[in-house]
Amino acid sequence: MSIRQNFPTVSPTLTLDFINSGQLDPRITFIRTGSATRMNENGLVESVGADIPRFEHRYEDGVVKPQGLLLEEAKQQYVPNSNDFTLWTKQTNGSGVVGVAVTDATTSPDGTNNSSKFYIDTAGGSFYNIYRGIGINSNTDYTYSVFAKQAESSVTSLTVYTGSNGGNQSVFYNLSNGTITGITTSGTNTGISTAGIIPYPNDWYRCHMTFNVNESITVQYKLGNGTTTLNEGIYIYGAQLEARHMTSYIPNSTSGTLITSSDKCYIDNLDTQGLINQSEFTIHIEGKYNPTVKQVSPHYNRMMETRTGLGTQRTSGLWLDPQTQTDIIRYRADDDNENNIVLATYNTTDTNAVDTGKDGLIRVAFGLKSGDFDISVNGGDLESSSNTGFAQDTGQLIIGGSDTSGNNIMNGTLRKLSIYPNKLTDTQLINLSKVSI
């Protein structure tokens, strides 16, 4: 077989290149009723207005790299005045005194000079913390995050303190090399699900931890300074507390909580625009889920979904498994009687996959027609089914969600999405999911 036959020989009817274009295809409807932030092409935390899509970037190996279209669900930011650390309670012992001051000594992650310095104002204490008390619900995952940068000190910590019976749950960070140096836990009513540290330009890091408490109480969210030396400290910016996984930074200048809006992205009238073949098609999609989504989200986070012309019924869908929260991708199709059929459960870290997705990138290619379905993820072996339950009136494409109301949002970035007018061969499906084209 020739190399050409190993890849599609027909052109897609729809090609969406989010990572290279930096703009949306005019056929796409995009809705978000409020502002939101992203990392822009200069590596800065940037706020964009309502109904403006976010093309996300990441700072990797000293370079700002495009990630594609960012799609996130609505969230509640529980930290009031999220960048005013002078409102936090200071905590130390002995003769020590904690200092917190807004400083222009360094550029903040948003490119202005509005970060704070958390420092040792008077020596004599054995620890130095600042904290806020915020109430939470029982048996719910929450993520606590703060931006931090080394000054004279390069050590900081995030701690969740649930009282004398609950104890401290702490994660320790090295701000000189961007690593987690330790995790400590005490008590029985809370636990840490996951923790991480994300690099930003100008030596900033976003430190985060996800935890769960088994009672509804007010929790102290502490930020620790790893030094006890007079005048030494760290720079801090933008605290956030939110349910479940971490999302992009939500600036909150109010004295209460702040609720954001979800990103809704879709194309109507696929059929009448000639973008899909009603009798058979192939979809190729590439994207990355937010890493913390895999650990804690209980939702069916969709990469995509096709629906009938009026959007009332699913005809196909890809999502992250909400039970295992690992690297499981599930596929489901519905028939004209709305019978739900799970056609494939695909582990993206399967040893047969060429690219196991260790960098978080998931490439999927699936072909569908009546009685014939095949899917490959990251170049792995096919999963097949003859029980497709295929509804031949697909007219709507939901991008990074399950409907036009903003449910089951992916919470990640999409790089590319293409629709082909036929079901590709097995070899073509596997090869299509191996590489970016």
Protein backbone atom coordinates (compact mmCIF):
# COMPACT_ATOMS: atom_id res chain seq x y z
CA MET A 1 0.00 0.00 0.00
CA SER A 2 1.37 3.46 -0.85
CA ILE A 3 2.01 6.09 1.79
CA ARG A 4 -0.80 8.16 0.28
CA GLN A 5 -3.31 5.36 0.83
CA ASN A 6 -2.39 5.30 4.54
CA PHE A 7 -3.97 8.75 4.94
CA PRO A 8 -7.27 10.22 3.73
CA THR A 9 -7.38 10.77 -0.03
CA VAL A 10 -10.52 12.90 0.18
CA SER A 11 -10.59 16.45 1.50
CA PRO A 12 -12.48 17.28 4.70
CA THR A 13 -15.82 19.04 4.35
CA LEU A 14 -14.93 21.03 7.48
CA THR A 15 -11.48 21.93 8.84
CA LEU A 16 -11.12 23.92 12.04
CA ASP A 17 -7.50 24.78 12.88
CA PHE A 18 -7.64 26.50 16.25
CA ILE A 19 -3.96 26.26 17.11
CA ASN A 20 -2.56 27.92 14.00
CA SER A 21 -5.31 30.33 12.93
CA GLY A 22 -5.87 32.16 16.22
CA GLN A 23 -9.42 32.95 15.14
CA LEU A 24 -12.78 31.25 14.77
CA ASP A 25 -14.29 30.08 11.52
CA PRO A 26 -17.18 32.47 10.72
CA ARG A 27 -19.61 29.54 10.67
CA ILE A 28 -19.05 28.98 14.39
CA THR A 29 -21.34 30.54 16.98
CA PHE A 30 -19.46 31.44 20.17
CA ILE A 31 -21.17 32.73 23.32
CA ARG A 32 -19.87 33.67 26.77
CA THR A 33 -21.86 36.25 28.71
CA GLY A 34 -18.95 37.61 30.76
CA SER A 35 -15.22 38.28 30.62
CA ALA A 36 -12.58 35.60 31.21
CA THR A 37 -8.80 35.31 31.26
CA ARG A 38 -6.23 33.44 29.23
CA MET A 39 -2.45 33.37 28.77
CA ASN A 40 -1.87 35.43 25.64
CA GLU A 41 0.87 35.12 23.01
CA ASN A 42 3.18 37.24 25.19
CA GLY A 43 2.73 34.92 28.16
CA LEU A 44 0.61 37.40 30.14
CA VAL A 45 -2.63 36.75 32.00
CA GLU A 46 -5.08 38.71 29.87
CA SER A 47 -8.77 39.43 30.40
CA VAL A 48 -10.99 39.31 27.30
CA GLY A 49 -14.56 40.55 27.01
CA ALA A 50 -17.88 38.78 26.61
CA ASP A 51 -18.35 36.61 23.52
CA ILE A 52 -14.64 36.78 22.65
CA PRO A 53 -13.05 33.32 22.26
CA ARG A 54 -9.83 32.60 24.13
CA PHE A 55 -6.87 31.13 22.30
CA GLU A 56 -4.75 29.77 25.10
CA HIS A 57 -0.96 29.53 25.47
CA ARG A 58 1.37 27.75 27.86
CA TYR A 59 4.89 28.59 28.96
CA GLU A 60 6.97 25.49 28.30
CA ASP A 61 10.77 25.17 28.17
CA GLY A 62 11.13 28.93 28.29
CA VAL A 63 8.84 29.49 25.29
CA VAL A 64 5.21 30.65 25.06
CA LYS A 65 3.45 28.00 22.96
CA PRO A 66 -0.08 28.08 21.46
CA GLN A 67 -2.53 25.49 22.78
CA GLY A 68 -5.69 26.17 20.77
CA LEU A 69 -9.22 27.18 21.72
CA LEU A 70 -9.84 27.28 25.48
CA LEU A 71 -13.27 26.04 26.59
CA GLU A 72 -14.25 26.16 30.28
CA GLU A 73 -17.41 25.70 32.30
CA ALA A 74 -18.97 28.34 34.54
CA LYS A 75 -17.22 28.57 37.89
CA GLN A 76 -17.57 30.34 41.24
CA GLN A 77 -14.53 32.20 42.58
CA TYR A 78 -14.84 32.03 46.38
CA VAL A 79 -11.96 34.36 47.25
CA PRO A 80 -13.18 37.96 47.61
CA ASN A 81 -10.79 40.72 46.52
CA SER A 82 -8.64 37.94 45.12
CA ASN A 83 -5.51 40.03 44.56
CA ASP A 84 -5.59 42.06 47.80
CA PHE A 85 -3.46 40.10 50.25
CA THR A 86 -3.43 42.97 52.75
CA LEU A 87 -6.90 41.72 53.74
CA TRP A 88 -5.57 38.30 54.72
CA THR A 89 -5.02 37.47 58.40
CA LYS A 90 -1.36 37.42 59.44
CA GLN A 91 -0.17 34.48 61.52
CA THR A 92 3.14 33.79 63.27
CA ASN A 93 4.44 33.07 66.79
CA GLY A 94 6.96 34.42 69.29
CA SER A 95 8.05 37.96 68.53
CA GLY A 96 7.64 37.54 64.78
CA VAL A 97 5.63 39.97 62.64
CA VAL A 98 4.32 39.20 59.14
CA GLY A 99 4.55 41.89 56.48
CA VAL A 100 2.40 42.16 53.34
CA ALA A 101 2.70 45.10 50.98
CA VAL A 102 1.68 45.89 47.41
CA THR A 103 4.89 46.37 45.46
CA ASP A 104 6.10 47.56 42.08
CA ALA A 105 9.37 45.68 42.50
CA THR A 106 8.41 43.06 39.93
CA THR A 107 6.02 42.67 37.00
CA SER A 108 2.86 40.72 37.82
CA PRO A 109 1.60 37.80 35.69
CA ASP A 110 -0.79 40.26 33.98
CA GLY A 111 2.08 42.56 32.96
CA THR A 112 1.32 45.36 35.44
CA ASN A 113 2.84 46.12 38.85
CA ASN A 114 0.05 44.96 41.13
CA SER A 115 1.55 41.97 42.93
CA SER A 116 2.25 41.90 46.67
CA LYS A 117 5.33 41.03 48.68
CA PHE A 118 4.87 38.66 51.61
CA TYR A 119 7.90 39.13 53.86
CA ILE A 120 9.32 38.88 57.39
CA ASP A 121 8.70 42.26 59.02
CA THR A 122 10.07 41.25 62.41
CA ALA A 123 12.16 38.16 63.06
CA GLY A 124 11.59 35.88 66.04
CA GLY A 125 8.87 33.56 64.77
CA SER A 126 9.29 29.91 63.74
CA PHE A 127 6.66 30.19 60.98
CA TYR A 128 5.00 32.96 58.95
CA ASN A 129 1.60 32.54 57.27
CA ILE A 130 -1.25 34.59 55.90
CA TYR A 131 -4.72 33.09 55.52
CA ARG A 132 -8.40 33.61 54.71
CA GLY A 133 -11.33 31.74 56.18
CA ILE A 134 -13.94 30.60 53.63
CA GLY A 135 -16.82 28.18 54.12
CA ILE A 136 -17.15 25.07 51.96
CA ASN A 137 -19.55 22.15 51.50
CA SER A 138 -18.82 18.64 52.68
CA ASN A 139 -17.61 15.84 50.40
CA THR A 140 -16.87 18.22 47.53
CA ASP A 141 -13.56 18.63 45.74
CA TYR A 142 -12.10 22.15 45.82
CA THR A 143 -8.96 23.59 44.24
CA TYR A 144 -6.94 26.33 45.95
CA SER A 145 -4.35 28.19 43.85
CA VAL A 146 -2.01 31.20 44.14
CA PHE A 147 0.59 32.71 41.81
CA ALA A 148 4.01 32.99 43.49
CA LYS A 149 7.52 34.12 42.58
CA GLN A 150 10.76 33.91 44.49
CA ALA A 151 12.30 37.09 45.91
CA GLU A 152 14.87 36.60 48.68
CA SER A 153 13.11 33.35 49.59
CA SER A 154 12.34 30.56 47.12
CA VAL A 155 10.04 28.41 49.28
CA THR A 156 6.30 28.66 49.82
CA SER A 157 3.43 26.39 50.83
CA LEU A 158 -0.33 26.08 50.44
CA THR A 159 -2.20 24.74 53.45
CA VAL A 160 -5.82 23.85 54.13
CA TYR A 161 -6.50 23.99 57.87
CA THR A 162 -9.79 22.47 59.01
CA GLY A 163 -9.46 22.95 62.77
CA SER A 164 -7.79 21.15 65.64
CA ASN A 165 -9.54 17.87 64.82
CA GLY A 166 -9.09 18.11 61.07
CA GLY A 167 -5.48 19.24 61.03
CA ASN A 168 -3.32 20.70 58.26
CA GLN A 169 -3.04 19.49 54.67
CA SER A 170 0.01 21.16 53.11
CA VAL A 171 1.90 21.22 49.82
CA PHE A 172 5.41 22.71 49.69
CA TYR A 173 6.86 24.36 46.57
CA ASN A 174 10.33 25.36 45.38
CA LEU A 175 10.01 28.59 43.41
CA SER A 176 13.56 28.46 42.07
CA ASN A 177 12.98 25.35 39.95
CA GLY A 178 9.19 24.91 39.90
CA THR A 179 8.91 21.67 41.86
CA ILE A 180 6.83 20.24 44.68
CA THR A 181 9.15 19.36 47.53
CA GLY A 182 6.69 17.71 49.88
CA ILE A 183 3.10 16.98 50.91
CA THR A 184 2.05 16.55 54.54
CA THR A 185 -1.33 15.61 55.96
CA SER A 186 -2.82 15.31 59.42
CA GLY A 187 -6.28 14.65 60.77
CA THR A 188 -9.01 12.49 59.29
CA ASN A 189 -11.64 14.79 57.78
CA THR A 190 -9.75 15.95 54.68
CA GLY A 191 -7.34 14.75 52.02
CA ILE A 192 -5.36 16.04 49.04
CA SER A 193 -6.44 14.67 45.64
CA THR A 194 -3.76 16.28 43.50
CA ALA A 195 -1.28 19.17 43.48
CA GLY A 196 0.87 20.90 40.91
CA ILE A 197 2.92 23.93 39.91
CA ILE A 198 2.56 25.60 36.49
CA PRO A 199 5.29 27.88 35.06
CA TYR A 200 4.60 31.40 33.78
CA PRO A 201 7.06 33.87 32.25
CA ASN A 202 9.23 36.15 34.41
CA ASP A 203 9.81 33.35 36.97
CA TRP A 204 6.20 33.20 38.14
CA TYR A 205 4.45 29.92 39.02
CA ARG A 206 0.84 29.05 39.69
CA CYS A 207 0.80 26.71 42.70
CA HIS A 208 -2.34 24.62 43.22
CA MET A 209 -3.77 21.85 45.38
CA THR A 210 -7.08 19.98 45.22
CA PHE A 211 -8.66 18.64 48.42
CA ASN A 212 -11.87 17.24 49.88
CA VAL A 213 -13.36 17.76 53.36
CA ASN A 214 -16.02 15.48 54.85
CA GLU A 215 -17.91 18.23 56.71
CA SER A 216 -19.33 21.65 55.89
CA ILE A 217 -17.08 24.09 57.76
CA THR A 218 -15.11 27.30 57.40
CA VAL A 219 -11.61 26.41 56.28
CA GLN A 220 -8.45 28.49 56.64
CA TYR A 221 -6.59 28.75 53.33
CA LYS A 222 -3.00 29.49 54.28
CA LEU A 223 -0.06 30.74 52.26
CA GLY A 224 3.28 30.07 53.92
CA ASN A 225 6.61 31.86 53.65
CA GLY A 226 9.50 29.41 53.80
CA THR A 227 11.93 31.76 55.49
CA THR A 228 12.30 33.21 59.01
CA THR A 229 14.98 35.73 58.06
CA LEU A 230 14.26 39.44 58.51
CA ASN A 231 13.07 41.25 55.34
CA GLU A 232 13.14 38.12 53.19
CA GLY A 233 10.02 37.09 51.30
CA ILE A 234 8.23 36.08 48.12
CA TYR A 235 5.98 37.81 45.58
CA ILE A 236 2.33 36.73 45.38
CA TYR A 237 -0.61 37.39 43.06
CA GLY A 238 -4.14 36.18 42.37
CA ALA A 239 -5.56 33.70 44.88
CA GLN A 240 -8.40 31.43 43.78
CA LEU A 241 -10.70 28.87 45.40
CA GLU A 242 -13.18 26.96 43.23
CA ALA A 243 -15.12 23.72 43.25
CA ARG A 244 -13.62 20.67 41.54
CA HIS A 245 -10.76 21.26 39.10
CA MET A 246 -8.72 24.41 38.51
CA THR A 247 -9.63 26.83 35.72
CA SER A 248 -8.01 29.99 34.37
CA TYR A 249 -7.55 32.80 36.87
CA ILE A 250 -10.77 34.61 37.86
CA PRO A 251 -9.98 38.17 39.03
CA ASN A 252 -12.45 39.22 41.71
CA SER A 253 -12.46 42.82 42.91
CA THR A 254 -15.70 42.43 44.89
CA SER A 255 -16.18 41.68 48.56
CA GLY A 256 -18.16 38.54 47.78
CA THR A 257 -17.93 35.54 45.49
CA LEU A 258 -17.91 35.87 41.70
CA ILE A 259 -19.61 33.54 39.22
CA THR A 260 -18.28 33.24 35.69
CA SER A 261 -20.03 32.11 32.49
CA SER A 262 -19.38 29.00 30.41
CA ASP A 263 -17.93 28.98 26.90
CA LYS A 264 -20.51 27.81 24.34
CA CYS A 265 -19.25 26.93 20.87
CA TYR A 266 -21.18 25.25 18.05
CA ILE A 267 -22.08 25.11 14.35
CA ASP A 268 -25.68 24.83 13.18
CA ASN A 269 -26.98 23.46 9.88
CA LEU A 270 -24.10 21.11 9.13
CA ASP A 271 -26.29 19.30 6.63
CA THR A 272 -27.60 22.28 4.67
CA GLN A 273 -24.13 23.84 4.56
CA GLY A 274 -22.74 20.64 3.05
CA LEU A 275 -20.41 20.10 6.01
CA ILE A 276 -21.49 16.54 6.83
CA ASN A 277 -22.60 13.47 4.91
CA GLN A 278 -25.77 12.19 6.53
CA SER A 279 -25.12 8.56 5.66
CA GLU A 280 -21.49 8.28 6.85
CA PHE A 281 -18.67 10.46 8.12
CA THR A 282 -15.33 10.58 9.94
CA ILE A 283 -14.34 13.07 12.64
CA HIS A 284 -10.76 13.83 13.62
CA ILE A 285 -10.19 15.90 16.77
CA GLU A 286 -7.17 16.90 18.84
CA GLY A 287 -7.13 18.49 22.26
CA LYS A 288 -5.91 18.54 25.82
CA TYR A 289 -7.97 18.27 28.97
CA ASN A 290 -7.00 20.41 31.95
CA PRO A 291 -4.86 17.94 33.98
CA THR A 292 -6.84 18.52 37.18
CA VAL A 293 -10.08 17.59 35.36
CA LYS A 294 -8.84 14.01 35.13
CA GLN A 295 -8.47 13.82 38.90
CA VAL A 296 -11.62 15.36 40.32
CA SER A 297 -14.35 16.25 37.84
CA PRO A 298 -17.56 14.20 38.19
CA HIS A 299 -18.95 15.52 34.91
CA TYR A 300 -19.07 14.09 31.40
CA ASN A 301 -16.57 16.53 29.93
CA ARG A 302 -17.16 16.49 26.16
CA MET A 303 -14.52 17.01 23.48
CA MET A 304 -17.36 17.20 20.96
CA GLU A 305 -20.86 16.05 20.22
CA THR A 306 -23.01 15.90 17.10
CA ARG A 307 -26.75 16.36 17.42
CA THR A 308 -29.82 16.34 15.24
CA GLY A 309 -30.74 19.41 13.25
CA LEU A 310 -32.73 20.98 16.07
CA GLY A 311 -30.16 19.95 18.67
CA THR A 312 -32.69 17.82 20.55
CA GLN A 313 -30.88 14.49 20.32
CA ARG A 314 -27.28 13.28 20.36
CA THR A 315 -25.99 11.35 17.34
CA SER A 316 -22.38 10.94 18.51
CA GLY A 317 -20.14 12.12 21.31
CA LEU A 318 -16.68 11.84 22.89
CA TRP A 319 -16.02 12.49 26.56
CA LEU A 320 -13.68 11.86 29.46
CA ASP A 321 -14.85 9.05 31.71
CA PRO A 322 -16.30 10.62 34.89
CA GLN A 323 -15.96 7.46 36.96
CA THR A 324 -12.29 6.60 36.49
CA GLN A 325 -10.99 10.14 35.78
CA THR A 326 -7.84 8.78 34.22
CA ASP A 327 -7.19 8.78 30.49
CA ILE A 328 -10.37 7.00 29.45
CA ILE A 329 -12.24 8.33 26.42
CA ARG A 330 -15.77 7.03 25.92
CA TYR A 331 -17.78 7.17 22.71
CA ARG A 332 -21.55 7.03 22.52
CA ALA A 333 -24.10 7.25 19.73
CA ASP A 334 -27.87 7.51 20.00
CA ASP A 335 -30.36 6.12 17.55
CA ASP A 336 -33.57 7.71 16.31
CA ASN A 337 -35.42 6.29 19.31
CA GLU A 338 -32.93 7.97 21.67
CA ASN A 339 -31.48 4.69 22.89
CA ASN A 340 -28.06 5.36 24.44
CA ILE A 341 -25.39 3.02 23.13
CA VAL A 342 -21.86 3.14 24.54
CA LEU A 343 -19.87 1.91 21.57
CA ALA A 344 -16.32 2.15 22.84
CA THR A 345 -14.32 2.70 25.99
CA TYR A 346 -10.83 3.70 24.94
CA ASN A 347 -7.80 4.03 27.20
CA THR A 348 -5.51 6.66 25.70
CA THR A 349 -2.53 5.19 27.56
CA ASP A 350 -3.02 1.78 25.94
CA THR A 351 0.36 0.16 25.31
CA ASN A 352 -0.60 -0.32 21.68
CA ALA A 353 -0.90 3.43 21.17
CA VAL A 354 1.97 5.07 19.30
CA ASP A 355 1.67 8.23 21.39
CA THR A 356 0.43 7.50 24.90
CA GLY A 357 -0.55 11.11 25.44
CA LYS A 358 1.94 11.74 28.26
CA ASP A 359 1.98 15.41 27.26
CA GLY A 360 -1.79 15.42 27.67
CA LEU A 361 -2.59 15.63 23.96
CA ILE A 362 -5.42 13.35 22.85
CA ARG A 363 -5.87 12.66 19.12
CA VAL A 364 -9.07 10.85 18.14
CA ALA A 365 -10.32 9.64 14.76
CA PHE A 366 -13.63 7.82 14.47
CA GLY A 367 -15.67 6.75 11.47
CA LEU A 368 -19.37 6.04 11.55
CA LYS A 369 -22.05 4.73 9.27
CA SER A 370 -24.99 2.44 9.81
CA GLY A 371 -23.76 -0.88 11.18
CA ASP A 372 -20.09 0.09 11.00
CA PHE A 373 -18.15 2.06 13.61
CA ASP A 374 -14.41 2.27 14.35
CA ILE A 375 -12.34 4.54 16.58
CA SER A 376 -8.62 5.01 17.22
CA VAL A 377 -7.01 7.19 19.88
CA ASN A 378 -3.37 8.31 19.66
CA GLY A 379 -2.62 5.76 16.96
CA GLY A 380 -3.79 2.79 19.02
CA ASP A 381 -5.60 -0.34 17.88
CA LEU A 382 -9.15 0.10 16.66
CA GLU A 383 -12.21 -0.34 18.81
CA SER A 384 -15.10 -1.42 16.59
CA SER A 385 -18.84 -2.01 16.75
CA SER A 386 -21.60 -3.03 14.40
CA ASN A 387 -24.27 -1.75 16.81
CA THR A 388 -24.04 1.93 15.95
CA GLY A 389 -27.58 3.07 16.63
CA PHE A 390 -26.89 5.62 13.92
CA ALA A 391 -29.29 8.57 13.61
CA GLN A 392 -29.04 9.84 10.06
CA ASP A 393 -30.14 13.42 10.62
CA THR A 394 -27.03 15.02 12.12
CA GLY A 395 -27.22 18.79 11.75
CA GLN A 396 -25.40 20.36 14.69
CA LEU A 397 -21.79 20.19 15.92
CA ILE A 398 -21.11 21.07 19.56
CA ILE A 399 -17.46 21.97 20.05
CA GLY A 400 -16.08 21.23 23.52
CA GLY A 401 -19.47 20.60 25.12
CA SER A 402 -22.74 18.66 24.88
CA ASP A 403 -25.29 21.33 23.92
CA THR A 404 -25.80 25.02 23.22
CA SER A 405 -26.66 25.71 26.88
CA GLY A 406 -23.10 25.19 28.11
CA ASN A 407 -23.42 21.78 29.74
CA ASN A 408 -20.59 19.25 30.11
CA ILE A 409 -17.93 21.68 28.89
CA MET A 410 -14.60 20.06 28.02
CA ASN A 411 -12.47 22.22 30.33
CA GLY A 412 -9.42 22.13 28.15
CA THR A 413 -8.10 23.25 24.78
CA LEU A 414 -8.98 22.05 21.28
CA ARG A 415 -6.31 22.25 18.60
CA LYS A 416 -8.02 20.88 15.49
CA LEU A 417 -11.30 19.37 14.33
CA SER A 418 -12.08 17.99 10.87
CA ILE A 419 -15.07 16.22 9.31
CA TYR A 420 -14.61 13.88 6.32
CA PRO A 421 -17.50 12.97 4.00
CA ASN A 422 -16.98 9.22 4.28
CA LYS A 423 -15.99 6.58 6.82
CA LEU A 424 -12.24 6.22 6.38
CA THR A 425 -10.47 2.86 6.23
CA ASP A 426 -9.10 1.23 9.37
CA THR A 427 -5.52 2.12 8.45
CA GLN A 428 -6.45 5.70 7.69
CA LEU A 429 -8.23 6.08 11.05
CA ILE A 430 -5.21 4.78 12.96
CA ASN A 431 -2.76 6.96 11.06
CA LEU A 432 -4.98 10.01 11.35
CA SER A 433 -4.93 9.70 15.15
CA LYS A 434 -1.12 9.35 15.23
CA VAL A 435 -0.08 12.74 13.95
CA SER A 436 -1.30 16.30 13.58
CA ILE A 437 -2.31 17.13 10.01
